[in-house]
Each structure stands twice: as C-alpha cells, then as structure tokens.
Amino acid sequence: MAHLINLKTFTDARGNLTVIEKVVPFPIKRIFYIYGVDHSVRGGHRHHQTIQAAICLRGSCTIYNDNHKVQEQYVLDSADKCLILNPEDWHQMFNFSEDAILMVLASEYFSPDDYIYEPYQREGLDSSAKKLFFEKEAVLV
C-alpha cells in the first residue's frame, strides 16, 4: 500500500538539507526524474517487482494510486515528502506545476517485462461511474 514518509530535513539561515538515508525500504538501483511536463498524465502502470519512492524536488504534482483495495491521491509539493509505491500500486502522475521536478528512486533496474499497464478492474461500475483522469487511459473510480 502506498504511503508517505517525511524525509529528515535540516534548515538554517543557509537553506535546507534533506537526507535520504535508511528511510526507503529497498536498495536503490535506479534513479530517474520527470520534468517539463505539459498537461499530460504520466505513469499508468504498476510493477511485478519494482518498489519506488517518489519525491517532488521542485514544484508540485499529484499521484493517483490504486492497490485494488484502496484508491487515493497524494499531492507532492515539498522536497521532504516521499511517496513509497509498492509493486501492486497502479499509479498515474498528473497536475504537474510548470516548475515541477519529480525524482523517482527504484528498487530494480529498468525492464519492460516488469510493467503492468492495465488498471485494476472494478466490479459493478457502469458508464456513469466518475472518470478521474482525462487522457488516453481514464481511470474509473
């Protein structure tokens, strides 16, 4: 289940120093960052194995998460907020501010075979169900 952790931050007159040490629940094998995003929705997948930690270093974005039990939205708007996404967490990132830089730490090296793009199916939803997102892949909530 996705969850937020607060990263230890030291602040004084010189500025802020945020530390990522012994707080992510996995060894880091890959780091990537997303920036310069237009009004697109990013992500739209979950994983077989990869655990991720998402931190918006600058600006803000929203992450929708569905672990097939709970659907939640997280606003990342501070460099000391870290969202842990487990393999079962199907997620989309959207509502990026113009200056947003989203850094993602990953437990595994990139492998296309690790990605599951299909969202979880919801029993009993009809066409009148609320559509949360607005691009190619609408998520029914």
C-alpha atoms as a PDB file:
ATOM      1  CA  MET A   1       0.000   0.000   0.000  1.00  0.00           C
ATOM      2  CA  ALA A   2       1.341   3.413  -0.942  1.00  0.00           C
ATOM      3  CA  HIS A   3       2.287   5.677   1.936  1.00  0.00           C
ATOM      4  CA  LEU A   4       4.012   8.986   2.608  1.00  0.00           C
ATOM      5  CA  ILE A   5       7.141   9.356   4.669  1.00  0.00           C
ATOM      6  CA  ASN A   6       8.722  12.605   5.792  1.00  0.00           C
ATOM      7  CA  LEU A   7      12.383  12.962   4.926  1.00  0.00           C
ATOM      8  CA  LYS A   8      14.679  14.382   7.586  1.00  0.00           C
ATOM      9  CA  THR A   9      15.429  17.992   6.747  1.00  0.00           C
ATOM     10  CA  PHE A  10      17.867  20.372   8.413  1.00  0.00           C
ATOM     11  CA  THR A  11      17.086  24.069   7.990  1.00  0.00           C
ATOM     12  CA  ASP A  12      19.094  27.135   8.951  1.00  0.00           C
ATOM     13  CA  ALA A  13      19.895  30.563   7.543  1.00  0.00           C
ATOM     14  CA  ARG A  14      21.906  28.960   4.729  1.00  0.00           C
ATOM     15  CA  GLY A  15      18.974  26.924   3.427  1.00  0.00           C
ATOM     16  CA  ASN A  16      17.696  23.358   3.638  1.00  0.00           C
ATOM     17  CA  LEU A  17      19.446  19.992   3.582  1.00  0.00           C
ATOM     18  CA  THR A  18      17.205  16.947   3.111  1.00  0.00           C
ATOM     19  CA  VAL A  19      18.666  13.498   3.740  1.00  0.00           C
ATOM     20  CA  ILE A  20      17.580  10.196   2.190  1.00  0.00           C
ATOM     21  CA  GLU A  21      19.328   7.668   4.388  1.00  0.00           C
ATOM     22  CA  LYS A  22      17.918   4.453   5.859  1.00  0.00           C
ATOM     23  CA  VAL A  23      14.333   5.521   5.112  1.00  0.00           C
ATOM     24  CA  VAL A  24      13.446   3.892   1.784  1.00  0.00           C
ATOM     25  CA  PRO A  25      12.539   0.212   2.215  1.00  0.00           C
ATOM     26  CA  PHE A  26      14.814  -1.053  -0.566  1.00  0.00           C
ATOM     27  CA  PRO A  27      18.323  -0.742  -2.011  1.00  0.00           C
ATOM     28  CA  ILE A  28      18.307   1.899  -4.764  1.00  0.00           C
ATOM     29  CA  LYS A  29      19.224   0.518  -8.193  1.00  0.00           C
ATOM     30  CA  ARG A  30      17.869   3.271 -10.436  1.00  0.00           C
ATOM     31  CA  ILE A  31      17.067   6.971 -10.211  1.00  0.00           C
ATOM     32  CA  PHE A  32      15.140   8.958 -12.800  1.00  0.00           C
ATOM     33  CA  TYR A  33      13.351  12.277 -12.837  1.00  0.00           C
ATOM     34  CA  ILE A  34      10.439  13.735 -14.740  1.00  0.00           C
ATOM     35  CA  TYR A  35      10.251  17.428 -15.602  1.00  0.00           C
ATOM     36  CA  GLY A  36       8.997  19.810 -18.275  1.00  0.00           C
ATOM     37  CA  VAL A  37       5.651  18.024 -18.282  1.00  0.00           C
ATOM     38  CA  ASP A  38       2.794  19.643 -20.180  1.00  0.00           C
ATOM     39  CA  HIS A  39      -0.786  18.774 -19.205  1.00  0.00           C
ATOM     40  CA  SER A  40      -0.117  15.078 -19.794  1.00  0.00           C
ATOM     41  CA  VAL A  41      -0.801  12.239 -17.395  1.00  0.00           C
ATOM     42  CA  ARG A  42       2.315  10.174 -16.761  1.00  0.00           C
ATOM     43  CA  GLY A  43       2.663   6.640 -15.444  1.00  0.00           C
ATOM     44  CA  GLY A  44      -0.428   4.481 -15.838  1.00  0.00           C
ATOM     45  CA  HIS A  45       1.132   1.242 -14.635  1.00  0.00           C
ATOM     46  CA  ARG A  46       2.163  -0.939 -11.727  1.00  0.00           C
ATOM     47  CA  HIS A  47       5.017  -3.426 -11.448  1.00  0.00           C
ATOM     48  CA  HIS A  48       5.724  -7.085 -10.876  1.00  0.00           C
ATOM     49  CA  GLN A  49       8.737  -6.373  -8.642  1.00  0.00           C
ATOM     50  CA  THR A  50       9.782  -2.718  -8.504  1.00  0.00           C
ATOM     51  CA  ILE A  51       9.244  -0.605  -5.406  1.00  0.00           C
ATOM     52  CA  GLN A  52       9.524   3.149  -5.954  1.00  0.00           C
ATOM     53  CA  ALA A  53       9.980   6.277  -3.871  1.00  0.00           C
ATOM     54  CA  ALA A  54       8.695   9.497  -5.492  1.00  0.00           C
ATOM     55  CA  ILE A  55       9.861  12.941  -4.353  1.00  0.00           C
ATOM     56  CA  CYS A  56       8.862  16.218  -5.979  1.00  0.00           C
ATOM     57  CA  LEU A  57      12.098  18.184  -5.659  1.00  0.00           C
ATOM     58  CA  ARG A  58      10.609  21.358  -7.085  1.00  0.00           C
ATOM     59  CA  GLY A  59       7.059  22.488  -7.710  1.00  0.00           C
ATOM     60  CA  SER A  60       4.217  20.031  -7.235  1.00  0.00           C
ATOM     61  CA  CYS A  61       2.316  17.139  -8.775  1.00  0.00           C
ATOM     62  CA  THR A  62      -0.457  14.746  -7.808  1.00  0.00           C
ATOM     63  CA  ILE A  63      -0.173  10.961  -7.799  1.00  0.00           C
ATOM     64  CA  TYR A  64      -3.267   8.782  -8.063  1.00  0.00           C
ATOM     65  CA  ASN A  65      -2.783   5.313  -6.604  1.00  0.00           C
ATOM     66  CA  ASP A  66      -4.905   2.156  -6.725  1.00  0.00           C
ATOM     67  CA  ASN A  67      -3.729  -1.025  -4.999  1.00  0.00           C
ATOM     68  CA  HIS A  68      -7.006  -2.825  -5.864  1.00  0.00           C
ATOM     69  CA  LYS A  69      -8.254  -2.262  -2.300  1.00  0.00           C
ATOM     70  CA  VAL A  70      -7.871   1.482  -1.767  1.00  0.00           C
ATOM     71  CA  GLN A  71      -7.799   4.377  -4.238  1.00  0.00           C
ATOM     72  CA  GLU A  72      -6.028   7.521  -3.058  1.00  0.00           C
ATOM     73  CA  GLN A  73      -4.485  10.737  -4.321  1.00  0.00           C
ATOM     74  CA  TYR A  74      -1.287  12.226  -2.914  1.00  0.00           C
ATOM     75  CA  VAL A  75      -0.113  15.779  -3.517  1.00  0.00           C
ATOM     76  CA  LEU A  76       3.668  16.023  -3.558  1.00  0.00           C
ATOM     77  CA  ASP A  77       4.506  19.679  -3.006  1.00  0.00           C
ATOM     78  CA  SER A  78       7.574  19.644  -0.796  1.00  0.00           C
ATOM     79  CA  ALA A  79      11.034  18.129  -1.209  1.00  0.00           C
ATOM     80  CA  ASP A  80      10.747  16.476   2.202  1.00  0.00           C
ATOM     81  CA  LYS A  81       7.665  14.376   1.248  1.00  0.00           C
ATOM     82  CA  CYS A  82       8.392  10.930  -0.160  1.00  0.00           C
ATOM     83  CA  LEU A  83       5.685   8.630  -1.535  1.00  0.00           C
ATOM     84  CA  ILE A  84       6.515   4.924  -1.362  1.00  0.00           C
ATOM     85  CA  LEU A  85       4.840   2.938  -4.163  1.00  0.00           C
ATOM     86  CA  ASN A  86       4.802  -0.850  -3.872  1.00  0.00           C
ATOM     87  CA  PRO A  87       4.664  -3.185  -6.876  1.00  0.00           C
ATOM     88  CA  GLU A  88       0.873  -3.629  -6.602  1.00  0.00           C
ATOM     89  CA  ASP A  89       0.291   0.143  -6.677  1.00  0.00           C
ATOM     90  CA  TRP A  90      -1.135   1.118 -10.080  1.00  0.00           C
ATOM     91  CA  HIS A  91      -0.379   4.826 -10.336  1.00  0.00           C
ATOM     92  CA  GLN A  92      -0.647   7.913 -12.510  1.00  0.00           C
ATOM     93  CA  MET A  93       1.113  11.254 -12.070  1.00  0.00           C
ATOM     94  CA  PHE A  94      -0.656  14.425 -13.199  1.00  0.00           C
ATOM     95  CA  ASN A  95      -1.272  18.090 -12.414  1.00  0.00           C
ATOM     96  CA  PHE A  96       2.426  18.949 -12.679  1.00  0.00           C
ATOM     97  CA  SER A  97       3.261  22.580 -11.949  1.00  0.00           C
ATOM     98  CA  GLU A  98       5.359  24.258 -14.659  1.00  0.00           C
ATOM     99  CA  ASP A  99       8.489  24.060 -12.484  1.00  0.00           C
ATOM    100  CA  ALA A 100       7.905  20.507 -11.193  1.00  0.00           C
ATOM    101  CA  ILE A 101      10.801  18.071 -10.961  1.00  0.00           C
ATOM    102  CA  LEU A 102       9.677  14.616  -9.801  1.00  0.00           C
ATOM    103  CA  MET A 103      12.547  12.325  -8.811  1.00  0.00           C
ATOM    104  CA  VAL A 104      11.872   8.593  -8.516  1.00  0.00           C
ATOM    105  CA  LEU A 105      14.119   6.071  -6.755  1.00  0.00           C
ATOM    106  CA  ALA A 106      13.579   2.475  -7.876  1.00  0.00           C
ATOM    107  CA  SER A 107      14.455  -0.883  -6.339  1.00  0.00           C
ATOM    108  CA  GLU A 108      15.083  -2.568  -9.708  1.00  0.00           C
ATOM    109  CA  TYR A 109      16.852  -1.803 -12.959  1.00  0.00           C
ATOM    110  CA  PHE A 110      14.564  -0.975 -15.874  1.00  0.00           C
ATOM    111  CA  SER A 111      12.912  -3.975 -17.516  1.00  0.00           C
ATOM    112  CA  PRO A 112       9.886  -3.673 -19.817  1.00  0.00           C
ATOM    113  CA  ASP A 113       8.735  -7.071 -18.516  1.00  0.00           C
ATOM    114  CA  ASP A 114       8.246  -5.565 -15.033  1.00  0.00           C
ATOM    115  CA  TYR A 115       5.430  -3.231 -16.166  1.00  0.00           C
ATOM    116  CA  ILE A 116       1.694  -3.983 -15.928  1.00  0.00           C
ATOM    117  CA  TYR A 117      -0.266  -1.299 -17.782  1.00  0.00           C
ATOM    118  CA  GLU A 118      -3.845  -2.487 -17.292  1.00  0.00           C
ATOM    119  CA  PRO A 119      -5.611  -0.795 -14.380  1.00  0.00           C
ATOM    120  CA  TYR A 120      -7.451  -2.954 -11.878  1.00  0.00           C
ATOM    121  CA  GLN A 121     -10.961  -3.876 -12.981  1.00  0.00           C
ATOM    122  CA  ARG A 122     -13.806  -2.717 -10.761  1.00  0.00           C
ATOM    123  CA  GLU A 123     -16.882  -4.940 -10.479  1.00  0.00           C
ATOM    124  CA  GLY A 124     -20.257  -3.257 -10.869  1.00  0.00           C
ATOM    125  CA  LEU A 125     -19.132   0.045 -12.389  1.00  0.00           C
ATOM    126  CA  ASP A 126     -21.147   1.281 -15.335  1.00  0.00           C
ATOM    127  CA  SER A 127     -20.558   4.041 -17.855  1.00  0.00           C
ATOM    128  CA  SER A 128     -21.911   6.636 -15.405  1.00  0.00           C
ATOM    129  CA  ALA A 129     -19.026   5.982 -12.978  1.00  0.00           C
ATOM    130  CA  LYS A 130     -16.894   9.018 -12.272  1.00  0.00           C
ATOM    131  CA  LYS A 131     -13.896   9.410 -14.603  1.00  0.00           C
ATOM    132  CA  LEU A 132     -10.970  10.746 -12.614  1.00  0.00           C
ATOM    133  CA  PHE A 133      -8.465  11.273 -15.383  1.00  0.00           C
ATOM    134  CA  PHE A 134      -8.705  12.758 -18.798  1.00  0.00           C
ATOM    135  CA  GLU A 135      -6.143  11.469 -21.242  1.00  0.00           C
ATOM    136  CA  LYS A 136      -5.746   8.206 -23.127  1.00  0.00           C
ATOM    137  CA  GLU A 137      -6.415   5.940 -20.149  1.00  0.00           C
ATOM    138  CA  ALA A 138      -9.329   7.079 -18.000  1.00  0.00           C
ATOM    139  CA  VAL A 139      -9.455   5.501 -14.567  1.00  0.00           C
ATOM    140  CA  LEU A 140     -12.915   4.694 -13.254  1.00  0.00           C
ATOM    141  CA  VAL A 141     -13.359   5.440  -9.573  1.00  0.00           C
END
